[in-house]
Amino acid sequence: MSDSTAIKIQFQWAPGRNLPVSEQSDFAVPPAPTFWASMQVTAFLTLRYDPICLQTLERSRNLGCFSMGRTANERSNIRQYARHAPGTQPSSLHEPYCATILRSPRKPLILIPHTLSETTGPVYGHEDIADADNDLTRQHAGEPLGERIIVSGRVLDSNGRALPNALIEIWQANAAGRYVHVNDQHPAPLDPNFTGAGRTLTDGSGNYRFVTIKPGPYPWLNHYNAWRPAHIHFSIFGRAFITRLVTQMYFPGDPLFPYDPIFQSIPDEQARQRMISRFDLETTQPQWATGYRFDIVLRGPEATPFET
């Protein structure tokens, strides 16, 4: 690290603007600058927070929660996210889903209060998203095999407000039901023109859009003659790390739903339905691709369930 003279960090609070960090030091950039106002950080590094995070940090500063000695006061003033309603998320232990038997906790979970580590998060820029990242059919030299589909929707918070600039990543099997992965060796063909991964950012109204191939169902070794319904994996980063959601999007009318222990691990029927996309004629493009709508809600009573 540099041996330059270190000075106290200074923040400028302005919604939607960068927070400049001054001078150099032997300290790395802290994840929660509210706690570190008297510490020095690496020079000329820019921290960015969305307006909601800035408001939280500004309130903390006004309340005097600006030193390590007052961390407890800071924590008590952080808005707590609502806990998930019973039955709306997969059970930690769902015995028909064999993998949960070994990995589920054997003692009751301990709920801890949310801190800035959970209620703040990254803000993503456009520089890391390539033009073809949200079109999985244009990532190779040729066209992939299978039914071309358009998957679109909105990302919303617990109050129904749109979440702009949220990072969405997807991954899926190809039309034959096979992943491009060393552990997937079942006798189905790979497609040299389909990798099965993409990402995008939501726009100012929380909208997202992917073009891809409808995945096929595939066998797995959970039980005799076990098959997974066709699905696409989603990973979504909202405003805060606690609103990060990893889930699966299914397709309407799949006959494998009653036999799939992963889908059935969510006790609440209405919550299971929130994982199923719906056919959308408005998104469908004539003679080119069918459309499916999948809105995603992070937290709250209408939250999209996590995958197990």
Protein backbone atom coordinates (compact mmCIF):
# COMPACT_ATOMS: atom_id res chain seq x y z
CA MET A 1 0.00 0.00 0.00
CA SER A 2 1.04 3.61 -0.41
CA ASP A 3 2.91 5.37 2.38
CA SER A 4 1.17 8.66 1.63
CA THR A 5 -0.29 10.63 4.50
CA ALA A 6 -3.74 9.37 5.41
CA ILE A 7 -6.61 11.71 6.17
CA LYS A 8 -10.16 11.30 7.37
CA ILE A 9 -12.72 10.06 4.84
CA GLN A 10 -15.35 12.58 3.69
CA PHE A 11 -18.69 11.71 2.12
CA GLN A 12 -20.98 13.90 0.04
CA TRP A 13 -24.58 12.80 0.26
CA ALA A 14 -26.62 13.35 -2.88
CA PRO A 15 -29.21 10.88 -4.25
CA GLY A 16 -28.19 9.43 -7.56
CA ARG A 17 -24.66 10.85 -7.41
CA ASN A 18 -21.33 9.24 -6.65
CA LEU A 19 -19.80 9.36 -3.20
CA PRO A 20 -16.16 10.47 -3.60
CA VAL A 21 -13.61 8.89 -1.30
CA SER A 22 -10.47 10.90 -0.60
CA GLU A 23 -6.78 10.18 -0.14
CA GLN A 24 -4.92 6.96 0.58
CA SER A 25 -4.41 4.66 3.51
CA ASP A 26 -3.60 1.16 4.66
CA PHE A 27 -7.28 0.29 4.97
CA ALA A 28 -9.48 -1.39 2.36
CA VAL A 29 -12.81 0.14 1.42
CA PRO A 30 -15.34 -0.85 4.10
CA PRO A 31 -18.72 -2.33 3.10
CA ALA A 32 -20.75 0.04 5.29
CA PRO A 33 -19.27 3.55 5.27
CA THR A 34 -21.62 4.79 8.00
CA PHE A 35 -19.56 2.82 10.53
CA TRP A 36 -16.23 4.04 9.24
CA ALA A 37 -16.39 7.82 9.07
CA SER A 38 -13.16 8.18 11.06
CA MET A 39 -11.22 5.62 9.04
CA GLN A 40 -9.09 6.11 5.97
CA VAL A 41 -9.69 4.27 2.70
CA THR A 42 -7.95 3.70 -0.60
CA ALA A 43 -7.66 6.84 -2.72
CA PHE A 44 -9.74 7.85 -5.72
CA LEU A 45 -12.11 4.93 -5.35
CA THR A 46 -15.78 5.66 -5.99
CA LEU A 47 -18.59 4.09 -3.98
CA ARG A 48 -22.06 4.18 -5.49
CA TYR A 49 -25.35 3.63 -3.71
CA ASP A 50 -28.90 3.96 -5.00
CA PRO A 51 -31.17 6.72 -3.59
CA ILE A 52 -32.85 4.40 -1.08
CA CYS A 53 -29.48 3.39 0.39
CA LEU A 54 -28.38 7.01 0.50
CA GLN A 55 -31.48 7.97 2.47
CA THR A 56 -30.75 5.20 4.98
CA LEU A 57 -27.17 6.33 5.40
CA GLU A 58 -28.18 9.98 5.69
CA ARG A 59 -30.69 9.17 8.44
CA SER A 60 -28.00 7.23 10.27
CA ARG A 61 -25.61 10.18 10.07
CA ASN A 62 -28.23 12.60 11.38
CA LEU A 63 -28.94 10.28 14.29
CA GLY A 64 -25.29 10.40 15.30
CA CYS A 65 -24.63 6.75 14.44
CA PHE A 66 -21.24 7.51 12.97
CA SER A 67 -18.70 5.77 15.12
CA MET A 68 -17.86 2.20 15.98
CA GLY A 69 -18.93 2.85 19.56
CA ARG A 70 -22.48 3.60 18.44
CA THR A 71 -23.01 0.63 16.17
CA ALA A 72 -25.80 -0.68 18.39
CA ASN A 73 -27.76 2.55 17.94
CA GLU A 74 -27.18 2.39 14.19
CA ARG A 75 -28.54 -1.14 14.03
CA SER A 76 -31.67 -0.26 15.97
CA ASN A 77 -32.59 2.47 13.47
CA ILE A 78 -32.36 0.30 10.35
CA ARG A 79 -35.68 -0.54 8.71
CA GLN A 80 -36.31 -4.28 9.04
CA TYR A 81 -37.55 -6.26 6.06
CA ALA A 82 -40.71 -8.27 6.66
CA ARG A 83 -40.12 -11.96 7.27
CA HIS A 84 -41.58 -14.48 4.84
CA ALA A 85 -45.01 -15.83 5.73
CA PRO A 86 -45.06 -19.49 6.84
CA GLY A 87 -45.48 -21.90 3.96
CA THR A 88 -44.55 -19.46 1.20
CA GLN A 89 -40.92 -20.61 0.93
CA PRO A 90 -39.46 -24.10 0.46
CA SER A 91 -39.05 -26.15 3.60
CA SER A 92 -35.47 -26.63 4.74
CA LEU A 93 -36.26 -30.31 5.13
CA HIS A 94 -38.52 -31.86 2.51
CA GLU A 95 -37.84 -35.60 2.70
CA PRO A 96 -39.05 -36.44 -0.84
CA TYR A 97 -36.24 -34.11 -2.00
CA CYS A 98 -33.37 -36.31 -0.83
CA ALA A 99 -30.63 -33.65 -0.86
CA THR A 100 -32.40 -31.69 1.89
CA ILE A 101 -32.05 -34.58 4.34
CA LEU A 102 -28.30 -34.06 4.62
CA ARG A 103 -28.08 -30.29 4.24
CA SER A 104 -31.02 -29.04 6.31
CA PRO A 105 -30.42 -27.72 9.86
CA ARG A 106 -31.39 -29.95 12.77
CA LYS A 107 -31.96 -27.14 15.26
CA PRO A 108 -34.37 -24.18 15.16
CA LEU A 109 -33.09 -21.18 13.22
CA ILE A 110 -32.10 -18.06 15.15
CA LEU A 111 -33.48 -14.83 13.68
CA ILE A 112 -31.09 -11.89 13.89
CA PRO A 113 -31.90 -8.21 13.21
CA HIS A 114 -31.00 -6.83 9.81
CA THR A 115 -27.98 -4.53 9.62
CA LEU A 116 -26.56 -2.36 6.85
CA SER A 117 -24.77 -5.45 5.57
CA GLU A 118 -28.17 -6.85 4.59
CA THR A 119 -30.13 -3.69 3.79
CA THR A 120 -27.64 -2.09 1.40
CA GLY A 121 -26.23 -3.50 -1.79
CA PRO A 122 -24.43 -2.84 -5.07
CA VAL A 123 -25.55 -0.56 -7.88
CA TYR A 124 -24.74 -2.00 -11.27
CA GLY A 125 -23.60 -0.02 -14.27
CA HIS A 126 -23.99 -0.90 -17.93
CA GLU A 127 -20.32 -1.40 -18.69
CA ASP A 128 -20.29 -5.09 -17.75
CA ILE A 129 -23.37 -6.13 -19.77
CA ALA A 130 -22.69 -7.09 -23.40
CA ASP A 131 -25.23 -6.57 -26.19
CA ALA A 132 -25.94 -10.29 -26.60
CA ASP A 133 -26.04 -11.16 -22.91
CA ASN A 134 -29.85 -11.10 -22.78
CA ASP A 135 -30.28 -12.96 -26.10
CA LEU A 136 -29.11 -16.54 -25.60
CA THR A 137 -29.80 -17.31 -29.28
CA ARG A 138 -27.12 -14.87 -30.55
CA GLN A 139 -24.12 -15.93 -28.49
CA HIS A 140 -22.67 -18.34 -31.07
CA ALA A 141 -22.11 -18.55 -34.81
CA GLY A 142 -25.33 -20.42 -35.57
CA GLU A 143 -28.94 -20.66 -34.38
CA PRO A 144 -29.62 -23.03 -31.48
CA LEU A 145 -32.14 -25.83 -31.87
CA GLY A 146 -35.50 -25.72 -30.17
CA GLU A 147 -38.51 -23.51 -29.57
CA ARG A 148 -37.49 -19.85 -29.44
CA ILE A 149 -39.17 -17.95 -26.61
CA ILE A 150 -39.19 -14.44 -25.15
CA VAL A 151 -39.23 -14.22 -21.34
CA SER A 152 -40.05 -10.80 -19.91
CA GLY A 153 -41.46 -9.23 -16.79
CA ARG A 154 -40.86 -6.72 -14.01
CA VAL A 155 -38.89 -6.84 -10.78
CA LEU A 156 -40.80 -5.30 -7.85
CA ASP A 157 -40.11 -4.72 -4.17
CA SER A 158 -42.38 -5.70 -1.28
CA ASN A 159 -44.49 -2.57 -1.79
CA GLY A 160 -45.02 -3.15 -5.51
CA ARG A 161 -42.51 -0.49 -6.58
CA ALA A 162 -40.34 -1.13 -9.61
CA LEU A 163 -36.66 -1.89 -9.04
CA PRO A 164 -34.53 -0.25 -11.74
CA ASN A 165 -30.97 -1.32 -12.51
CA ALA A 166 -31.37 -4.73 -10.83
CA LEU A 167 -29.01 -7.40 -12.12
CA ILE A 168 -30.76 -10.55 -13.42
CA GLU A 169 -28.82 -13.65 -14.39
CA ILE A 170 -30.35 -16.83 -15.86
CA TRP A 171 -29.09 -20.32 -16.65
CA GLN A 172 -30.90 -23.31 -18.11
CA ALA A 173 -30.74 -26.62 -19.95
CA ASN A 174 -31.01 -26.74 -23.72
CA ALA A 175 -34.03 -27.94 -25.69
CA ALA A 176 -33.00 -31.56 -25.09
CA GLY A 177 -32.83 -31.02 -21.34
CA ARG A 178 -29.06 -31.01 -20.97
CA TYR A 179 -26.77 -28.47 -19.29
CA VAL A 180 -23.34 -27.50 -20.54
CA HIS A 181 -21.72 -28.86 -17.39
CA VAL A 182 -19.29 -31.65 -16.66
CA ASN A 183 -21.69 -33.21 -14.14
CA ASP A 184 -24.51 -33.51 -16.68
CA GLN A 185 -23.73 -36.67 -18.63
CA HIS A 186 -27.18 -38.13 -19.29
CA PRO A 187 -27.74 -39.33 -22.88
CA ALA A 188 -29.11 -36.16 -24.45
CA PRO A 189 -27.31 -34.09 -27.11
CA LEU A 190 -25.45 -30.86 -26.45
CA ASP A 191 -26.09 -27.93 -28.78
CA PRO A 192 -22.89 -26.23 -30.00
CA ASN A 193 -24.87 -23.03 -30.53
CA PHE A 194 -26.39 -22.84 -27.06
CA THR A 195 -24.57 -22.29 -23.76
CA GLY A 196 -27.65 -21.57 -21.66
CA ALA A 197 -26.56 -18.51 -19.64
CA GLY A 198 -27.44 -14.84 -19.88
CA ARG A 199 -27.86 -11.63 -17.88
CA THR A 200 -29.38 -8.19 -18.11
CA LEU A 201 -30.27 -5.09 -16.06
CA THR A 202 -33.81 -3.91 -15.45
CA ASP A 203 -34.76 -0.57 -16.99
CA GLY A 204 -36.13 2.46 -15.16
CA SER A 205 -39.54 0.78 -14.77
CA GLY A 206 -38.12 -2.51 -13.52
CA ASN A 207 -38.65 -4.31 -16.85
CA TYR A 208 -36.38 -7.06 -18.15
CA ARG A 209 -36.35 -9.20 -21.31
CA PHE A 210 -34.57 -12.37 -22.45
CA VAL A 211 -34.65 -14.24 -25.74
CA THR A 212 -33.81 -17.91 -25.33
CA ILE A 213 -34.82 -21.49 -26.15
CA LYS A 214 -37.48 -23.31 -24.17
CA PRO A 215 -35.61 -25.85 -22.03
CA GLY A 216 -36.55 -29.50 -22.01
CA PRO A 217 -37.28 -31.65 -18.95
CA TYR A 218 -34.47 -33.88 -17.78
CA PRO A 219 -33.95 -36.95 -15.59
CA TRP A 220 -32.25 -36.79 -12.21
CA LEU A 221 -31.33 -39.34 -9.56
CA ASN A 222 -33.50 -38.23 -6.65
CA HIS A 223 -35.76 -41.30 -6.92
CA TYR A 224 -36.79 -43.94 -9.43
CA ASN A 225 -37.82 -42.45 -12.79
CA ALA A 226 -37.44 -38.88 -11.52
CA TRP A 227 -37.79 -36.02 -14.01
CA ARG A 228 -37.51 -32.26 -13.47
CA PRO A 229 -40.14 -30.04 -15.12
CA ALA A 230 -38.81 -27.60 -17.72
CA HIS A 231 -37.50 -24.52 -15.90
CA ILE A 232 -35.12 -21.56 -16.05
CA HIS A 233 -33.00 -20.54 -13.07
CA PHE A 234 -33.08 -16.86 -12.08
CA SER A 235 -30.72 -14.89 -9.85
CA ILE A 236 -31.82 -11.34 -8.98
CA PHE A 237 -29.99 -8.67 -6.99
CA GLY A 238 -32.33 -6.01 -5.62
CA ARG A 239 -31.42 -2.91 -3.60
CA ALA A 240 -29.99 -4.94 -0.76
CA PHE A 241 -28.18 -8.21 -0.28
CA ILE A 242 -31.13 -9.55 1.72
CA THR A 243 -33.35 -9.06 -1.34
CA ARG A 244 -31.15 -11.29 -3.49
CA LEU A 245 -33.39 -13.99 -4.91
CA VAL A 246 -32.43 -17.27 -6.58
CA THR A 247 -35.49 -19.02 -7.95
CA GLN A 248 -36.80 -21.15 -10.79
CA MET A 249 -39.33 -20.15 -13.44
CA TYR A 250 -41.59 -22.92 -14.69
CA PHE A 251 -43.94 -23.13 -17.67
CA PRO A 252 -47.73 -23.42 -17.45
CA GLY A 253 -49.44 -26.80 -17.64
CA ASP A 254 -46.36 -28.96 -17.06
CA PRO A 255 -47.50 -32.54 -16.29
CA LEU A 256 -44.42 -33.12 -14.10
CA PHE A 257 -45.45 -30.64 -11.38
CA PRO A 258 -47.16 -33.23 -9.13
CA TYR A 259 -44.11 -35.50 -9.26
CA ASP A 260 -41.37 -32.94 -8.65
CA PRO A 261 -40.27 -32.74 -5.00
CA ILE A 262 -38.46 -29.41 -5.55
CA PHE A 263 -41.62 -27.72 -6.82
CA GLN A 264 -43.71 -29.47 -4.15
CA SER A 265 -41.34 -28.44 -1.33
CA ILE A 266 -43.26 -25.14 -1.10
CA PRO A 267 -46.31 -25.93 1.05
CA ASP A 268 -48.47 -22.98 -0.05
CA GLU A 269 -50.21 -23.57 -3.38
CA GLN A 270 -50.52 -19.86 -4.18
CA ALA A 271 -46.80 -19.41 -3.56
CA ARG A 272 -46.05 -22.30 -5.95
CA GLN A 273 -48.14 -20.61 -8.61
CA ARG A 274 -45.92 -17.51 -8.35
CA MET A 275 -43.08 -19.60 -9.79
CA ILE A 276 -45.04 -20.43 -12.96
CA SER A 277 -44.82 -18.05 -15.91
CA ARG A 278 -47.84 -17.33 -18.07
CA PHE A 279 -48.16 -17.30 -21.82
CA ASP A 280 -48.25 -13.70 -23.08
CA LEU A 281 -49.69 -13.03 -26.54
CA GLU A 282 -48.56 -9.39 -26.43
CA THR A 283 -44.94 -10.47 -26.05
CA THR A 284 -45.27 -13.20 -28.69
CA GLN A 285 -43.87 -12.16 -32.06
CA PRO A 286 -45.55 -13.57 -35.20
CA GLN A 287 -43.60 -16.29 -37.00
CA TRP A 288 -40.64 -15.85 -34.65
CA ALA A 289 -41.10 -16.55 -30.92
CA THR A 290 -43.73 -17.24 -28.27
CA GLY A 291 -43.75 -15.03 -25.20
CA TYR A 292 -43.92 -15.77 -21.47
CA ARG A 293 -44.45 -13.30 -18.63
CA PHE A 294 -42.71 -13.77 -15.29
CA ASP A 295 -42.93 -10.97 -12.74
CA ILE A 296 -40.59 -11.22 -9.75
CA VAL A 297 -41.35 -9.84 -6.28
CA LEU A 298 -38.50 -9.50 -3.78
CA ARG A 299 -39.68 -9.99 -0.19
CA GLY A 300 -43.13 -9.26 1.22
CA PRO A 301 -46.35 -11.33 1.31
CA GLU A 302 -46.38 -11.78 -2.48
CA ALA A 303 -42.69 -12.64 -2.76
CA THR A 304 -41.52 -15.07 -5.40
CA PRO A 305 -40.33 -18.22 -3.58
CA PHE A 306 -36.66 -19.07 -3.32
CA GLU A 307 -35.43 -22.27 -4.88
CA THR A 308 -34.21 -24.93 -2.47
